[in-house]
N, C-alpha and C. Protein backbone atom coordinates (compact mmCIF):
# COMPACT_ATOMS: atom_id res chain seq x y z
N MET A 1 43.18 45.60 196.92
CA MET A 1 43.60 46.14 198.15
C MET A 1 44.17 45.06 199.04
N ASP A 2 45.15 45.30 199.81
CA ASP A 2 45.71 44.24 200.50
C ASP A 2 45.39 44.17 201.98
N VAL A 3 45.15 43.22 202.56
CA VAL A 3 44.40 43.21 204.04
C VAL A 3 45.17 42.06 204.69
N SER A 4 45.73 42.34 205.88
CA SER A 4 46.54 41.43 206.94
C SER A 4 45.49 41.33 208.01
N VAL A 5 45.13 40.22 208.35
CA VAL A 5 44.28 39.78 209.45
C VAL A 5 45.09 38.94 210.39
N LYS A 6 45.27 39.59 211.67
CA LYS A 6 46.03 38.89 212.64
C LYS A 6 45.59 37.53 213.03
N ALA A 7 46.47 36.77 213.51
CA ALA A 7 46.06 35.40 214.01
C ALA A 7 45.16 35.34 215.04
N GLY A 8 44.18 34.46 214.77
CA GLY A 8 43.01 34.31 215.77
C GLY A 8 41.82 35.21 215.61
N GLU A 9 41.93 36.07 214.36
CA GLU A 9 41.12 37.06 214.27
C GLU A 9 40.13 36.83 212.95
N LYS A 10 39.21 37.47 212.89
CA LYS A 10 38.29 37.31 211.60
C LYS A 10 38.17 39.01 211.46
N ALA A 11 38.08 39.46 210.12
CA ALA A 11 37.66 40.66 209.49
C ALA A 11 36.42 40.87 208.65
N GLU A 12 36.09 41.86 208.46
CA GLU A 12 34.80 42.12 207.62
C GLU A 12 35.26 43.35 206.83
N VAL A 13 35.11 43.26 205.52
CA VAL A 13 35.20 44.51 204.62
C VAL A 13 33.86 44.74 203.93
N GLN A 14 33.65 45.94 204.25
CA GLN A 14 32.33 46.45 203.53
C GLN A 14 32.57 47.65 202.61
N ILE A 15 31.89 47.53 201.39
CA ILE A 15 32.14 48.66 200.52
C ILE A 15 30.56 49.48 200.51
N TYR A 16 30.97 50.81 200.44
CA TYR A 16 29.78 51.69 200.74
C TYR A 16 29.67 52.69 199.40
N ASN A 17 28.67 53.10 199.23
CA ASN A 17 28.39 54.09 198.16
C ASN A 17 28.43 55.44 198.77
N SER A 18 28.35 56.55 198.13
CA SER A 18 28.43 57.84 198.61
C SER A 18 27.23 58.29 199.49
N ARG A 19 26.17 57.48 199.59
CA ARG A 19 25.05 57.78 200.46
C ARG A 19 25.26 56.84 201.75
N GLY A 20 26.32 56.16 201.99
CA GLY A 20 26.59 55.30 203.02
C GLY A 20 25.93 54.04 203.04
N GLN A 21 25.37 53.70 202.14
CA GLN A 21 24.77 52.40 201.78
C GLN A 21 25.70 51.28 201.91
N VAL A 22 25.57 50.22 202.38
CA VAL A 22 26.59 49.04 202.18
C VAL A 22 26.20 48.43 200.80
N LEU A 23 26.95 48.22 200.08
CA LEU A 23 26.98 47.37 198.72
C LEU A 23 27.41 46.14 198.69
N ARG A 24 28.38 45.83 199.45
CA ARG A 24 28.96 44.57 199.44
C ARG A 24 29.84 44.13 200.57
N THR A 25 29.62 43.03 201.04
CA THR A 25 30.34 42.78 202.40
C THR A 25 31.10 41.29 202.09
N MET A 26 32.35 41.62 202.60
CA MET A 26 33.21 40.22 202.53
C MET A 26 33.87 40.03 203.91
N ASN A 27 33.83 38.69 204.18
CA ASN A 27 34.28 38.27 205.53
C ASN A 27 35.83 37.39 205.29
N LEU A 28 36.58 37.94 206.29
CA LEU A 28 37.94 37.31 206.01
C LEU A 28 38.52 36.74 207.29
N SER A 29 39.24 35.51 207.11
CA SER A 29 39.83 34.82 208.18
C SER A 29 41.15 35.21 208.17
N GLU A 30 41.91 34.75 209.13
CA GLU A 30 43.29 35.38 209.47
C GLU A 30 44.35 34.93 208.39
N GLY A 31 45.33 35.92 208.08
CA GLY A 31 46.25 35.86 207.12
C GLY A 31 46.08 36.79 206.25
N PHE A 32 46.99 36.95 205.25
CA PHE A 32 47.02 37.92 204.24
C PHE A 32 46.21 37.60 202.95
N HIS A 33 45.27 38.87 202.65
CA HIS A 33 44.52 38.65 201.60
C HIS A 33 44.57 39.86 200.61
N HIS A 34 44.68 39.44 199.10
CA HIS A 34 44.64 40.62 198.25
C HIS A 34 43.30 40.46 197.66
N LEU A 35 42.64 41.67 197.95
CA LEU A 35 40.87 41.69 197.42
C LEU A 35 40.91 42.32 195.95
N ASN A 36 40.11 42.02 195.33
CA ASN A 36 39.71 42.40 194.03
C ASN A 36 38.41 42.59 193.87
N TRP A 37 37.73 43.78 194.12
CA TRP A 37 36.38 44.07 194.14
C TRP A 37 36.07 43.98 192.64
N ASP A 38 35.03 43.31 192.11
CA ASP A 38 34.40 43.18 190.82
C ASP A 38 33.56 44.08 190.43
N GLY A 39 33.20 44.99 191.20
CA GLY A 39 32.18 46.03 191.07
C GLY A 39 30.80 45.67 191.05
N THR A 40 30.48 44.57 191.94
CA THR A 40 29.14 44.16 191.96
C THR A 40 28.87 44.28 193.54
N ASP A 41 27.46 44.52 193.56
CA ASP A 41 26.90 44.48 194.99
C ASP A 41 26.53 43.12 195.62
N ASN A 42 26.08 42.91 196.68
CA ASN A 42 25.76 41.65 197.41
C ASN A 42 24.78 40.89 196.37
N LYS A 43 23.84 41.58 195.79
CA LYS A 43 23.03 40.96 194.84
C LYS A 43 23.73 40.43 193.47
N GLY A 44 24.76 40.72 193.24
CA GLY A 44 25.32 40.45 191.86
C GLY A 44 25.15 41.46 190.81
N THR A 45 24.47 43.01 191.21
CA THR A 45 24.08 43.78 190.46
C THR A 45 25.46 44.80 190.01
N SER A 46 25.68 45.12 188.76
CA SER A 46 26.76 45.87 188.60
C SER A 46 26.61 47.45 189.03
N CYS A 47 27.67 47.92 189.79
CA CYS A 47 27.67 49.33 190.26
C CYS A 47 28.12 50.16 189.34
N SER A 48 27.84 51.28 189.07
CA SER A 48 28.49 52.22 188.07
C SER A 48 29.80 52.78 188.50
N SER A 49 30.67 53.24 187.59
CA SER A 49 31.81 54.33 187.98
C SER A 49 31.53 55.23 188.89
N GLY A 50 32.44 55.40 189.73
CA GLY A 50 32.21 56.49 190.72
C GLY A 50 33.36 56.22 191.99
N THR A 51 33.03 56.98 192.77
CA THR A 51 33.87 57.08 194.05
C THR A 51 32.99 56.24 195.19
N TYR A 52 33.69 55.13 195.94
CA TYR A 52 33.31 54.47 196.84
C TYR A 52 33.95 54.56 197.94
N PHE A 53 33.56 53.86 199.26
CA PHE A 53 34.43 53.81 200.30
C PHE A 53 34.40 52.26 200.84
N TYR A 54 35.57 51.86 201.24
CA TYR A 54 35.66 50.66 201.99
C TYR A 54 36.22 50.62 203.41
N ARG A 55 35.47 49.92 204.17
CA ARG A 55 35.78 49.79 205.58
C ARG A 55 36.30 48.57 206.09
N ILE A 56 37.47 48.32 206.66
CA ILE A 56 37.84 47.04 207.19
C ILE A 56 37.70 47.04 208.84
N SER A 57 37.11 45.96 209.39
CA SER A 57 36.94 45.88 210.64
C SER A 57 37.39 44.82 211.29
N SER A 58 37.91 44.60 212.39
CA SER A 58 38.33 43.44 212.95
C SER A 58 38.90 43.84 214.45
N PRO A 59 38.86 43.16 215.51
CA PRO A 59 39.27 43.49 216.74
C PRO A 59 40.51 44.26 216.82
N SER A 60 41.29 44.35 215.98
CA SER A 60 42.73 45.06 216.17
C SER A 60 42.68 46.21 214.91
N ILE A 61 41.67 46.25 213.92
CA ILE A 61 41.88 47.46 213.12
C ILE A 61 40.33 47.78 212.72
N ASN A 62 40.33 49.20 212.54
CA ASN A 62 39.27 49.78 211.72
C ASN A 62 39.67 50.95 210.92
N GLN A 63 39.34 50.89 209.82
CA GLN A 63 39.99 51.53 208.79
C GLN A 63 39.08 51.91 207.69
N THR A 64 38.90 53.10 207.30
CA THR A 64 38.12 53.47 206.13
C THR A 64 38.84 54.23 205.20
N ARG A 65 38.85 53.80 203.82
CA ARG A 65 39.50 54.53 202.70
C ARG A 65 38.57 54.79 201.46
N LYS A 66 39.08 55.41 200.45
CA LYS A 66 38.26 55.82 199.45
C LYS A 66 38.75 54.79 198.26
N LEU A 67 37.73 54.69 197.32
CA LEU A 67 38.08 53.66 196.21
C LEU A 67 37.12 54.04 195.03
N MET A 68 38.07 54.11 194.01
CA MET A 68 37.50 54.49 192.69
C MET A 68 37.25 53.44 191.66
N LEU A 69 35.93 53.40 191.28
CA LEU A 69 35.49 52.21 190.48
C LEU A 69 35.38 52.73 189.02
N ILE A 70 36.42 52.35 188.01
CA ILE A 70 36.35 52.97 186.62
C ILE A 70 35.97 51.75 185.74
N LYS A 71 35.04 51.89 185.09
CA LYS A 71 34.63 50.88 184.04
C LYS A 71 34.89 51.24 182.50
């Protein structure tokens, strides 16, 4: 996924499972970022294949999208 963070802002990307539990959190600084989720949670535990959601939030953007993890 590609994320562009406006100058002077910071963003947070969170990955959720279907129960709404946060599995992974990534903090981004300003600029363009290409994110590649490695399929692990914040503890480094591997997540199973399935449907997940990611949310990007910053002062100027709030976006939620679906994500498929296939192993």
